[in-house]
């Protein structure tokens, strides 16, 4: 049950980031919209909140080309192979009572 609540929490965070991204997107010009969409399209996990936040921050700071270049380099290094979702990696064990490991930072 705790894991379900945690996933709901992640979905809520993802929805909030989506609302912020939608608001920012509506204020962008066409080339920046294309870059923003490309940045978001490079995210391979459904609930990859850090990558979505990185795209939003890059859009606000006008750093989208650099972030897209980093994403493309990471894809070339790792390949496009989908891995275990980050929100499941935060659980340290396989049993139902394991707690999320919030101290671990995941580098993308």
PDB file of N, CA and C in Angstrom:
ATOM      1  N   UNK A   1       0.823  -1.189   0.000  1.00  0.00           N
ATOM      2  CA  UNK A   1       0.000   0.000   0.000  1.00  0.00           C
ATOM      3  C   UNK A   1       0.876   1.267   0.000  1.00  0.00           C
ATOM      4  N   UNK A   2       1.977   1.210   0.744  1.00  0.00           N
ATOM      5  CA  UNK A   2       2.870   2.363   0.806  1.00  0.00           C
ATOM      6  C   UNK A   2       3.473   2.659  -0.572  1.00  0.00           C
ATOM      7  N   UNK A   3       3.799   1.611  -1.295  1.00  0.00           N
ATOM      8  CA  UNK A   3       4.366   1.783  -2.632  1.00  0.00           C
ATOM      9  C   UNK A   3       3.348   2.435  -3.564  1.00  0.00           C
ATOM     10  N   UNK A   4       2.102   2.043  -3.441  1.00  0.00           N
ATOM     11  CA  UNK A   4       1.038   2.639  -4.250  1.00  0.00           C
ATOM     12  C   UNK A   4       0.915   4.130  -3.957  1.00  0.00           C
ATOM     13  N   UNK A   5       0.946   4.504  -2.693  1.00  0.00           N
ATOM     14  CA  UNK A   5       0.877   5.922  -2.328  1.00  0.00           C
ATOM     15  C   UNK A   5       2.079   6.691  -2.864  1.00  0.00           C
ATOM     16  N   UNK A   6       3.233   6.063  -2.820  1.00  0.00           N
ATOM     17  CA  UNK A   6       4.436   6.707  -3.337  1.00  0.00           C
ATOM     18  C   UNK A   6       4.315   6.949  -4.843  1.00  0.00           C
ATOM     19  N   UNK A   7       3.801   5.976  -5.568  1.00  0.00           N
ATOM     20  CA  UNK A   7       3.622   6.141  -7.016  1.00  0.00           C
ATOM     21  C   UNK A   7       2.571   7.204  -7.296  1.00  0.00           C
ATOM     22  N   UNK A   8       1.520   7.274  -6.492  1.00  0.00           N
ATOM     23  CA  UNK A   8       0.528   8.354  -6.649  1.00  0.00           C
ATOM     24  C   UNK A   8       1.182   9.714  -6.429  1.00  0.00           C
ATOM     25  N   UNK A   9       2.056   9.786  -5.436  1.00  0.00           N
ATOM     26  CA  UNK A   9       2.781  11.024  -5.160  1.00  0.00           C
ATOM     27  C   UNK A   9       3.616  11.424  -6.376  1.00  0.00           C
ATOM     28  N   UNK A  10       4.319  10.466  -6.964  1.00  0.00           N
ATOM     29  CA  UNK A  10       5.117  10.757  -8.151  1.00  0.00           C
ATOM     30  C   UNK A  10       4.241  11.198  -9.318  1.00  0.00           C
ATOM     31  N   UNK A  11       3.087  10.577  -9.473  1.00  0.00           N
ATOM     32  CA  UNK A  11       2.161  10.979 -10.540  1.00  0.00           C
ATOM     33  C   UNK A  11       1.666  12.404 -10.314  1.00  0.00           C
ATOM     34  N   UNK A  12       1.405  12.762  -9.065  1.00  0.00           N
ATOM     35  CA  UNK A  12       0.965  14.126  -8.761  1.00  0.00           C
ATOM     36  C   UNK A  12       2.073  15.133  -9.073  1.00  0.00           C
ATOM     37  N   UNK A  13       3.305  14.811  -8.707  1.00  0.00           N
ATOM     38  CA  UNK A  13       4.436  15.687  -9.043  1.00  0.00           C
ATOM     39  C   UNK A  13       4.589  15.824 -10.551  1.00  0.00           C
ATOM     40  N   UNK A  14       4.436  14.718 -11.250  1.00  0.00           N
ATOM     41  CA  UNK A  14       4.539  14.730 -12.702  1.00  0.00           C
ATOM     42  C   UNK A  14       3.448  15.615 -13.311  1.00  0.00           C
ATOM     43  N   UNK A  15       2.240  15.545 -12.759  1.00  0.00           N
ATOM     44  CA  UNK A  15       1.142  16.381 -13.251  1.00  0.00           C
ATOM     45  C   UNK A  15       1.412  17.860 -12.990  1.00  0.00           C
ATOM     46  N   UNK A  16       1.969  18.180 -11.827  1.00  0.00           N
ATOM     47  CA  UNK A  16       2.313  19.574 -11.534  1.00  0.00           C
ATOM     48  C   UNK A  16       3.383  20.093 -12.487  1.00  0.00           C
ATOM     49  N   UNK A  17       4.393  19.272 -12.742  1.00  0.00           N
ATOM     50  CA  UNK A  17       5.421  19.673 -13.704  1.00  0.00           C
ATOM     51  C   UNK A  17       4.826  19.831 -15.094  1.00  0.00           C
ATOM     52  N   UNK A  18       3.879  18.971 -15.436  1.00  0.00           N
ATOM     53  CA  UNK A  18       3.205  19.088 -16.726  1.00  0.00           C
ATOM     54  C   UNK A  18       2.442  20.388 -16.851  1.00  0.00           C
ATOM     55  N   UNK A  19       1.782  20.802 -15.775  1.00  0.00           N
ATOM     56  CA  UNK A  19       1.043  22.068 -15.795  1.00  0.00           C
ATOM     57  C   UNK A  19       1.995  23.254 -15.943  1.00  0.00           C
ATOM     58  N   UNK A  20       3.113  23.209 -15.243  1.00  0.00           N
ATOM     59  CA  UNK A  20       4.110  24.279 -15.371  1.00  0.00           C
ATOM     60  C   UNK A  20       4.681  24.292 -16.784  1.00  0.00           C
ATOM     61  N   UNK A  21       4.995  23.113 -17.311  1.00  0.00           N
ATOM     62  CA  UNK A  21       5.526  23.018 -18.667  1.00  0.00           C
ATOM     63  C   UNK A  21       4.545  23.525 -19.705  1.00  0.00           C
ATOM     64  N   UNK A  22       3.272  23.227 -19.509  1.00  0.00           N
ATOM     65  CA  UNK A  22       2.239  23.696 -20.444  1.00  0.00           C
ATOM     66  C   UNK A  22       2.144  25.217 -20.427  1.00  0.00           C
ATOM     67  N   UNK A  23       2.224  25.796 -19.244  1.00  0.00           N
ATOM     68  CA  UNK A  23       2.169  27.256 -19.118  1.00  0.00           C
ATOM     69  C   UNK A  23       3.381  27.909 -19.783  1.00  0.00           C
ATOM     70  N   UNK A  24       4.555  27.343 -19.555  1.00  0.00           N
ATOM     71  CA  UNK A  24       5.767  27.878 -20.174  1.00  0.00           C
ATOM     72  C   UNK A  24       5.705  27.714 -21.687  1.00  0.00           C
ATOM     73  N   UNK A  25       5.227  26.556 -22.143  1.00  0.00           N
ATOM     74  CA  UNK A  25       5.139  26.258 -23.573  1.00  0.00           C
ATOM     75  C   UNK A  25       4.275  27.282 -24.300  1.00  0.00           C
ATOM     76  N   UNK A  26       3.198  27.716 -23.656  1.00  0.00           N
ATOM     77  CA  UNK A  26       2.283  28.662 -24.309  1.00  0.00           C
ATOM     78  C   UNK A  26       2.908  30.045 -24.500  1.00  0.00           C
ATOM     79  N   UNK A  27       3.980  30.344 -23.768  1.00  0.00           N
ATOM     80  CA  UNK A  27       4.632  31.651 -23.904  1.00  0.00           C
ATOM     81  C   UNK A  27       5.842  31.621 -24.836  1.00  0.00           C
ATOM     82  N   UNK A  28       6.208  30.439 -25.349  1.00  0.00           N
ATOM     83  CA  UNK A  28       7.417  30.298 -26.168  1.00  0.00           C
ATOM     84  C   UNK A  28       7.145  30.633 -27.634  1.00  0.00           C
ATOM     85  N   UNK A  29       8.222  31.018 -28.330  1.00  0.00           N
ATOM     86  CA  UNK A  29       8.125  31.162 -29.781  1.00  0.00           C
ATOM     87  C   UNK A  29       8.299  29.774 -30.414  1.00  0.00           C
ATOM     88  N   UNK A  30       8.088  29.686 -31.737  1.00  0.00           N
ATOM     89  CA  UNK A  30       8.067  28.382 -32.392  1.00  0.00           C
ATOM     90  C   UNK A  30       9.390  27.607 -32.299  1.00  0.00           C
ATOM     91  N   UNK A  31      10.560  28.215 -32.564  1.00  0.00           N
ATOM     92  CA  UNK A  31      11.807  27.433 -32.447  1.00  0.00           C
ATOM     93  C   UNK A  31      12.051  26.897 -31.034  1.00  0.00           C
ATOM     94  N   UNK A  32      11.719  27.703 -30.038  1.00  0.00           N
ATOM     95  CA  UNK A  32      11.911  27.258 -28.660  1.00  0.00           C
ATOM     96  C   UNK A  32      10.925  26.137 -28.311  1.00  0.00           C
ATOM     97  N   UNK A  33       9.699  26.212 -28.868  1.00  0.00           N
ATOM     98  CA  UNK A  33       8.727  25.140 -28.653  1.00  0.00           C
ATOM     99  C   UNK A  33       9.238  23.822 -29.221  1.00  0.00           C
ATOM    100  N   UNK A  34       9.852  23.903 -30.401  1.00  0.00           N
ATOM    101  CA  UNK A  34      10.388  22.689 -31.029  1.00  0.00           C
ATOM    102  C   UNK A  34      11.495  22.094 -30.162  1.00  0.00           C
ATOM    103  N   UNK A  35      12.387  22.936 -29.659  1.00  0.00           N
ATOM    104  CA  UNK A  35      13.464  22.455 -28.784  1.00  0.00           C
ATOM    105  C   UNK A  35      12.907  21.866 -27.492  1.00  0.00           C
ATOM    106  N   UNK A  36      11.910  22.523 -26.917  1.00  0.00           N
ATOM    107  CA  UNK A  36      11.302  22.037 -25.677  1.00  0.00           C
ATOM    108  C   UNK A  36      10.648  20.674 -25.909  1.00  0.00           C
ATOM    109  N   UNK A  37       9.927  20.542 -27.012  1.00  0.00           N
ATOM    110  CA  UNK A  37       9.292  19.262 -27.344  1.00  0.00           C
ATOM    111  C   UNK A  37      10.336  18.176 -27.567  1.00  0.00           C
ATOM    112  N   UNK A  38      11.441  18.526 -28.208  1.00  0.00           N
ATOM    113  CA  UNK A  38      12.523  17.567 -28.445  1.00  0.00           C
ATOM    114  C   UNK A  38      13.146  17.133 -27.116  1.00  0.00           C
ATOM    115  N   UNK A  39      13.328  18.078 -26.213  1.00  0.00           N
ATOM    116  CA  UNK A  39      13.892  17.762 -24.898  1.00  0.00           C
ATOM    117  C   UNK A  39      12.983  16.779 -24.156  1.00  0.00           C
ATOM    118  N   UNK A  40      11.688  17.036 -24.181  1.00  0.00           N
ATOM    119  CA  UNK A  40      10.747  16.149 -23.498  1.00  0.00           C
ATOM    120  C   UNK A  40      10.641  14.798 -24.196  1.00  0.00           C
ATOM    121  N   UNK A  41      10.776  14.774 -25.527  1.00  0.00           N
ATOM    122  CA  UNK A  41      10.687  13.512 -26.268  1.00  0.00           C
ATOM    123  C   UNK A  41      11.872  12.599 -25.975  1.00  0.00           C
ATOM    124  N   UNK A  42      12.988  13.156 -25.538  1.00  0.00           N
ATOM    125  CA  UNK A  42      14.171  12.351 -25.216  1.00  0.00           C
ATOM    126  C   UNK A  42      14.049  11.628 -23.881  1.00  0.00           C
ATOM    127  N   UNK A  43      12.991  11.884 -23.131  1.00  0.00           N
ATOM    128  CA  UNK A  43      12.783  11.227 -21.838  1.00  0.00           C
ATOM    129  C   UNK A  43      12.124   9.877 -22.103  1.00  0.00           C
ATOM    130  N   UNK A  44      12.750   8.798 -21.639  1.00  0.00           N
ATOM    131  CA  UNK A  44      12.273   7.455 -21.962  1.00  0.00           C
ATOM    132  C   UNK A  44      11.399   6.834 -20.883  1.00  0.00           C
ATOM    133  N   UNK A  45      11.374   7.380 -19.700  1.00  0.00           N
ATOM    134  CA  UNK A  45      10.566   6.819 -18.621  1.00  0.00           C
ATOM    135  C   UNK A  45       9.329   7.676 -18.406  1.00  0.00           C
ATOM    136  N   UNK A  46       8.234   7.035 -18.023  1.00  0.00           N
ATOM    137  CA  UNK A  46       6.983   7.755 -17.829  1.00  0.00           C
ATOM    138  C   UNK A  46       7.045   8.740 -16.667  1.00  0.00           C
ATOM    139  N   UNK A  47       7.623   8.341 -15.569  1.00  0.00           N
ATOM    140  CA  UNK A  47       7.653   9.188 -14.371  1.00  0.00           C
ATOM    141  C   UNK A  47       9.068   9.659 -14.053  1.00  0.00           C
ATOM    142  N   UNK A  48       9.813  10.020 -15.071  1.00  0.00           N
ATOM    143  CA  UNK A  48      11.176  10.515 -14.868  1.00  0.00           C
ATOM    144  C   UNK A  48      11.109  12.007 -14.545  1.00  0.00           C
ATOM    145  N   UNK A  49      10.821  12.302 -13.294  1.00  0.00           N
ATOM    146  CA  UNK A  49      10.603  13.677 -12.853  1.00  0.00           C
ATOM    147  C   UNK A  49      11.868  14.536 -12.975  1.00  0.00           C
ATOM    148  N   UNK A  50      13.049  14.041 -12.616  1.00  0.00           N
ATOM    149  CA  UNK A  50      14.241  14.897 -12.759  1.00  0.00           C
ATOM    150  C   UNK A  50      14.502  15.343 -14.198  1.00  0.00           C
ATOM    151  N   UNK A  51      14.292  14.465 -15.156  1.00  0.00           N
ATOM    152  CA  UNK A  51      14.530  14.849 -16.554  1.00  0.00           C
ATOM    153  C   UNK A  51      13.511  15.872 -17.033  1.00  0.00           C
ATOM    154  N   UNK A  52      12.254  15.702 -16.639  1.00  0.00           N
ATOM    155  CA  UNK A  52      11.237  16.686 -17.003  1.00  0.00           C
ATOM    156  C   UNK A  52      11.517  18.039 -16.385  1.00  0.00           C
ATOM    157  N   UNK A  53      11.939  18.019 -15.124  1.00  0.00           N
ATOM    158  CA  UNK A  53      12.276  19.273 -14.449  1.00  0.00           C
ATOM    159  C   UNK A  53      13.486  19.933 -15.097  1.00  0.00           C
ATOM    160  N   UNK A  54      14.448  19.112 -15.534  1.00  0.00           N
ATOM    161  CA  UNK A  54      15.638  19.649 -16.198  1.00  0.00           C
ATOM    162  C   UNK A  54      15.246  20.362 -17.497  1.00  0.00           C
ATOM    163  N   UNK A  55      14.293  19.799 -18.243  1.00  0.00           N
ATOM    164  CA  UNK A  55      13.831  20.441 -19.481  1.00  0.00           C
ATOM    165  C   UNK A  55      13.118  21.762 -19.184  1.00  0.00           C
ATOM    166  N   UNK A  56      12.305  21.781 -18.145  1.00  0.00           N
ATOM    167  CA  UNK A  56      11.580  23.006 -17.788  1.00  0.00           C
ATOM    168  C   UNK A  56      12.559  24.092 -17.353  1.00  0.00           C
ATOM    169  N   UNK A  57      13.522  23.738 -16.522  1.00  0.00           N
ATOM    170  CA  UNK A  57      14.510  24.720 -16.066  1.00  0.00           C
ATOM    171  C   UNK A  57      15.338  25.228 -17.240  1.00  0.00           C
ATOM    172  N   UNK A  58      15.707  24.324 -18.150  1.00  0.00           N
ATOM    173  CA  UNK A  58      16.476  24.732 -19.328  1.00  0.00           C
ATOM    174  C   UNK A  58      15.660  25.671 -20.208  1.00  0.00           C
ATOM    175  N   UNK A  59      14.356  25.449 -20.295  1.00  0.00           N
ATOM    176  CA  UNK A  59      13.506  26.337 -21.092  1.00  0.00           C
ATOM    177  C   UNK A  59      13.450  27.729 -20.477  1.00  0.00           C
ATOM    178  N   UNK A  60      13.362  27.794 -19.164  1.00  0.00           N
ATOM    179  CA  UNK A  60      13.316  29.090 -18.485  1.00  0.00           C
ATOM    180  C   UNK A  60      14.663  29.807 -18.607  1.00  0.00           C
ATOM    181  N   UNK A  61      15.758  29.052 -18.507  1.00  0.00           N
ATOM    182  CA  UNK A  61      17.105  29.635 -18.560  1.00  0.00           C
ATOM    183  C   UNK A  61      17.659  29.772 -19.977  1.00  0.00           C
ATOM    184  N   UNK A  62      16.876  29.408 -20.982  1.00  0.00           N
ATOM    185  CA  UNK A  62      17.307  29.431 -22.394  1.00  0.00           C
ATOM    186  C   UNK A  62      18.520  28.539 -22.638  1.00  0.00           C
ATOM    187  N   UNK A  63      18.543  27.375 -22.017  1.00  0.00           N
ATOM    188  CA  UNK A  63      19.632  26.400 -22.163  1.00  0.00           C
ATOM    189  C   UNK A  63      19.199  25.139 -22.898  1.00  0.00           C
ATOM    190  N   UNK A  64      18.093  25.157 -23.602  1.00  0.00           N
ATOM    191  CA  UNK A  64      17.571  23.927 -24.196  1.00  0.00           C
ATOM    192  C   UNK A  64      18.549  23.229 -25.138  1.00  0.00           C
ATOM    193  N   UNK A  65      19.253  23.934 -26.026  1.00  0.00           N
ATOM    194  CA  UNK A  65      20.183  23.210 -26.911  1.00  0.00           C
ATOM    195  C   UNK A  65      21.259  22.433 -26.151  1.00  0.00           C
ATOM    196  N   UNK A  66      21.756  22.990 -25.055  1.00  0.00           N
ATOM    197  CA  UNK A  66      22.781  22.298 -24.275  1.00  0.00           C
ATOM    198  C   UNK A  66      22.219  21.044 -23.607  1.00  0.00           C
ATOM    199  N   UNK A  67      21.008  21.149 -23.071  1.00  0.00           N
ATOM    200  CA  UNK A  67      20.392  19.993 -22.408  1.00  0.00           C
ATOM    201  C   UNK A  67      20.085  18.906 -23.428  1.00  0.00           C
ATOM    202  N   UNK A  68      19.606  19.297 -24.604  1.00  0.00           N
ATOM    203  CA  UNK A  68      19.325  18.310 -25.653  1.00  0.00           C
ATOM    204  C   UNK A  68      20.615  17.616 -26.078  1.00  0.00           C
ATOM    205  N   UNK A  69      21.703  18.369 -26.192  1.00  0.00           N
ATOM    206  CA  UNK A  69      22.995  17.770 -26.547  1.00  0.00           C
ATOM    207  C   UNK A  69      23.447  16.780 -25.472  1.00  0.00           C
ATOM    208  N   UNK A  70      23.253  17.125 -24.196  1.00  0.00           N
ATOM    209  CA  UNK A  70      23.592  16.209 -23.103  1.00  0.00           C
ATOM    210  C   UNK A  70      22.753  14.943 -23.176  1.00  0.00           C
ATOM    211  N   UNK A  71      21.448  15.107 -23.441  1.00  0.00           N
ATOM    212  CA  UNK A  71      20.563  13.947 -23.537  1.00  0.00           C
ATOM    213  C   UNK A  71      20.983  13.036 -24.686  1.00  0.00           C
ATOM    214  N   UNK A  72      21.294  13.637 -25.838  1.00  0.00           N
ATOM    215  CA  UNK A  72      21.703  12.840 -26.991  1.00  0.00           C
ATOM    216  C   UNK A  72      23.005  12.100 -26.716  1.00  0.00           C
ATOM    217  N   UNK A  73      23.938  12.758 -26.033  1.00  0.00           N
ATOM    218  CA  UNK A  73      25.197  12.098 -25.677  1.00  0.00           C
ATOM    219  C   UNK A  73      24.945  10.939 -24.712  1.00  0.00           C
ATOM    220  N   UNK A  74      24.033  11.137 -23.764  1.00  0.00           N
ATOM    221  CA  UNK A  74      23.709  10.069 -22.816  1.00  0.00           C
ATOM    222  C   UNK A  74      23.046   8.895 -23.524  1.00  0.00           C
ATOM    223  N   UNK A  75      22.193   9.190 -24.494  1.00  0.00           N
ATOM    224  CA  UNK A  75      21.538   8.120 -25.252  1.00  0.00           C
ATOM    225  C   UNK A  75      22.578   7.329 -26.037  1.00  0.00           C
ATOM    226  N   UNK A  76      23.546   8.024 -26.627  1.00  0.00           N
ATOM    227  CA  UNK A  76      24.596   7.332 -27.374  1.00  0.00           C
ATOM    228  C   UNK A  76      25.464   6.475 -26.460  1.00  0.00           C
ATOM    229  N   UNK A  77      25.738   6.977 -25.243  1.00  0.00           N
ATOM    230  CA  UNK A  77      26.545   6.207 -24.289  1.00  0.00           C
ATOM    231  C   UNK A  77      25.800   4.976 -23.795  1.00  0.00           C
ATOM    232  N   UNK A  78      24.566   5.188 -23.357  1.00  0.00           N
ATOM    233  CA  UNK A  78      23.797   4.112 -22.738  1.00  0.00           C
ATOM    234  C   UNK A  78      23.038   3.273 -23.753  1.00  0.00           C
ATOM    235  N   UNK A  79      22.732   3.838 -24.894  1.00  0.00           N
ATOM    236  CA  UNK A  79      21.846   3.179 -25.838  1.00  0.00           C
ATOM    237  C   UNK A  79      20.415   3.536 -25.498  1.00  0.00           C
ATOM    238  N   UNK A  80      19.516   3.192 -26.361  1.00  0.00           N
ATOM    239  CA  UNK A  80      18.116   3.549 -26.133  1.00  0.00           C
ATOM    240  C   UNK A  80      17.376   2.465 -25.368  1.00  0.00           C
ATOM    241  N   UNK A  81      18.120   1.550 -24.766  1.00  0.00           N
ATOM    242  CA  UNK A  81      17.531   0.459 -24.016  1.00  0.00           C
ATOM    243  C   UNK A  81      16.824   0.997 -22.774  1.00  0.00           C
ATOM    244  N   UNK A  82      15.566   0.640 -22.609  1.00  0.00           N
ATOM    245  CA  UNK A  82      14.802   1.100 -21.461  1.00  0.00           C
ATOM    246  C   UNK A  82      15.226   0.306 -20.228  1.00  0.00           C
ATOM    247  N   UNK A  83      15.444   1.017 -19.152  1.00  0.00           N
ATOM    248  CA  UNK A  83      15.871   0.374 -17.914  1.00  0.00           C
ATOM    249  C   UNK A  83      14.727   0.404 -16.916  1.00  0.00           C
ATOM    250  N   UNK A  84      14.983  -0.133 -15.761  1.00  0.00           N
ATOM    251  CA  UNK A  84      13.995  -0.117 -14.693  1.00  0.00           C
ATOM    252  C   UNK A  84      13.686   1.331 -14.327  1.00  0.00           C
ATOM    253  N   UNK A  85      12.406   1.704 -14.204  1.00  0.00           N
ATOM    254  CA  UNK A  85      12.058   3.095 -13.899  1.00  0.00           C
ATOM    255  C   UNK A  85      12.706   3.585 -12.607  1.00  0.00           C
ATOM    256  N   UNK A  86      13.083   4.858 -12.610  1.00  0.00           N
ATOM    257  CA  UNK A  86      13.786   5.451 -11.470  1.00  0.00           C
ATOM    258  C   UNK A  86      12.949   5.392 -10.203  1.00  0.00           C
ATOM    259  N   UNK A  87      11.629   5.518 -10.326  1.00  0.00           N
ATOM    260  CA  UNK A  87      10.806   5.510  -9.116  1.00  0.00           C
ATOM    261  C   UNK A  87      10.810   4.136  -8.458  1.00  0.00           C
ATOM    262  N   UNK A  88      11.081   3.080  -9.214  1.00  0.00           N
ATOM    263  CA  UNK A  88      11.199   1.762  -8.597  1.00  0.00           C
ATOM    264  C   UNK A  88      12.594   1.539  -8.036  1.00  0.00           C
ATOM    265  N   UNK A  89      13.591   2.207  -8.590  1.00  0.00           N
ATOM    266  CA  UNK A  89      14.957   2.086  -8.083  1.00  0.00           C
ATOM    267  C   UNK A  89      15.087   2.701  -6.696  1.00  0.00           C
ATOM    268  N   UNK A  90      14.188   3.597  -6.344  1.00  0.00           N
ATOM    269  CA  UNK A  90      14.290   4.277  -5.053  1.00  0.00           C
ATOM    270  C   UNK A  90      13.923   3.346  -3.904  1.00  0.00           C
ATOM    271  N   UNK A  91      13.302   2.204  -4.199  1.00  0.00           N
ATOM    272  CA  UNK A  91      13.021   1.220  -3.171  1.00  0.00           C
ATOM    273  C   UNK A  91      14.237   0.329  -3.046  1.00  0.00           C
ATOM    274  N   UNK A  92      14.743   0.189  -1.832  1.00  0.00           N
ATOM    275  CA  UNK A  92      16.018  -0.496  -1.636  1.00  0.00           C
ATOM    276  C   UNK A  92      15.882  -2.008  -1.638  1.00  0.00           C
ATOM    277  N   UNK A  93      14.732  -2.533  -1.361  1.00  0.00           N
ATOM    278  CA  UNK A  93      14.572  -3.982  -1.295  1.00  0.00           C
ATOM    279  C   UNK A  93      13.413  -4.460  -2.139  1.00  0.00           C
ATOM    280  N   UNK A  94      13.228  -5.769  -2.136  1.00  0.00           N
ATOM    281  CA  UNK A  94      12.139  -6.350  -2.906  1.00  0.00           C
ATOM    282  C   UNK A  94      10.913  -6.636  -2.054  1.00  0.00           C
ATOM    283  N   UNK A  95      11.037  -6.538  -0.741  1.00  0.00           N
ATOM    284  CA  UNK A  95       9.883  -6.842   0.088  1.00  0.00           C
ATOM    285  C   UNK A  95       8.941  -5.644   0.161  1.00  0.00           C
ATOM    286  N   UNK A  96       7.741  -5.888   0.620  1.00  0.00           N
ATOM    287  CA  UNK A  96       6.700  -4.857   0.616  1.00  0.00           C
ATOM    288  C   UNK A  96       6.919  -3.782   1.675  1.00  0.00           C
ATOM    289  N   UNK A  97       7.768  -4.046   2.646  1.00  0.00           N
ATOM    290  CA  UNK A  97       7.946  -3.078   3.734  1.00  0.00           C
ATOM    291  C   UNK A  97       9.145  -2.165   3.534  1.00  0.00           C
ATOM    292  N   UNK A  98       9.856  -2.311   2.421  1.00  0.00           N
ATOM    293  CA  UNK A  98      11.034  -1.458   2.229  1.00  0.00           C
ATOM    294  C   UNK A  98      10.614  -0.015   1.977  1.00  0.00           C
ATOM    295  N   UNK A  99      11.389   0.894   2.495  1.00  0.00           N
ATOM    296  CA  UNK A  99      11.102   2.326   2.379  1.00  0.00           C
ATOM    297  C   UNK A  99      11.850   2.913   1.192  1.00  0.00           C
ATOM    298  N   UNK A 100      11.320   3.995   0.603  1.00  0.00           N
ATOM    299  CA  UNK A 100      12.059   4.653  -0.472  1.00  0.00           C
ATOM    300  C   UNK A 100      13.351   5.264   0.051  1.00  0.00           C
ATOM    301  N   UNK A 101      14.373   5.228  -0.754  1.00  0.00           N
ATOM    302  CA  UNK A 101      15.667   5.789  -0.395  1.00  0.00           C
ATOM    303  C   UNK A 101      15.751   7.199  -0.976  1.00  0.00           C
ATOM    304  N   UNK A 102      15.280   8.188  -0.230  1.00  0.00           N
ATOM    305  CA  UNK A 102      15.212   9.559  -0.728  1.00  0.00           C
ATOM    306  C   UNK A 102      16.578  10.236  -0.751  1.00  0.00           C
ATOM    307  N   UNK A 103      17.568   9.662  -0.079  1.00  0.00           N
ATOM    308  CA  UNK A 103      18.884  10.283  -0.036  1.00  0.00           C
ATOM    309  C   UNK A 103      19.692   9.995  -1.294  1.00  0.00           C
ATOM    310  N   UNK A 104      19.310   8.963  -2.032  1.00  0.00           N
ATOM    311  CA  UNK A 104      20.037   8.597  -3.244  1.00  0.00           C
ATOM    312  C   UNK A 104      19.700   9.579  -4.352  1.00  0.00           C
ATOM    313  N   UNK A 105      20.731  10.064  -5.042  1.00  0.00           N
ATOM    314  CA  UNK A 105      20.521  10.966  -6.175  1.00  0.00           C
ATOM    315  C   UNK A 105      20.783  10.169  -7.438  1.00  0.00           C
ATOM    316  N   UNK A 106      19.911  10.342  -8.396  1.00  0.00           N
ATOM    317  CA  UNK A 106      20.045   9.629  -9.654  1.00  0.00           C
ATOM    318  C   UNK A 106      20.514  10.598 -10.719  1.00  0.00           C
ATOM    319  N   UNK A 107      21.663  10.326 -11.293  1.00  0.00           N
ATOM    320  CA  UNK A 107      22.235  11.176 -12.330  1.00  0.00           C
ATOM    321  C   UNK A 107      21.754  10.666 -13.665  1.00  0.00           C
ATOM    322  N   UNK A 108      21.274  11.583 -14.468  1.00  0.00           N
ATOM    323  CA  UNK A 108      20.754  11.188 -15.772  1.00  0.00           C
ATOM    324  C   UNK A 108      21.774  11.364 -16.845  1.00  0.00           C
TER     325      UNK A 108
END
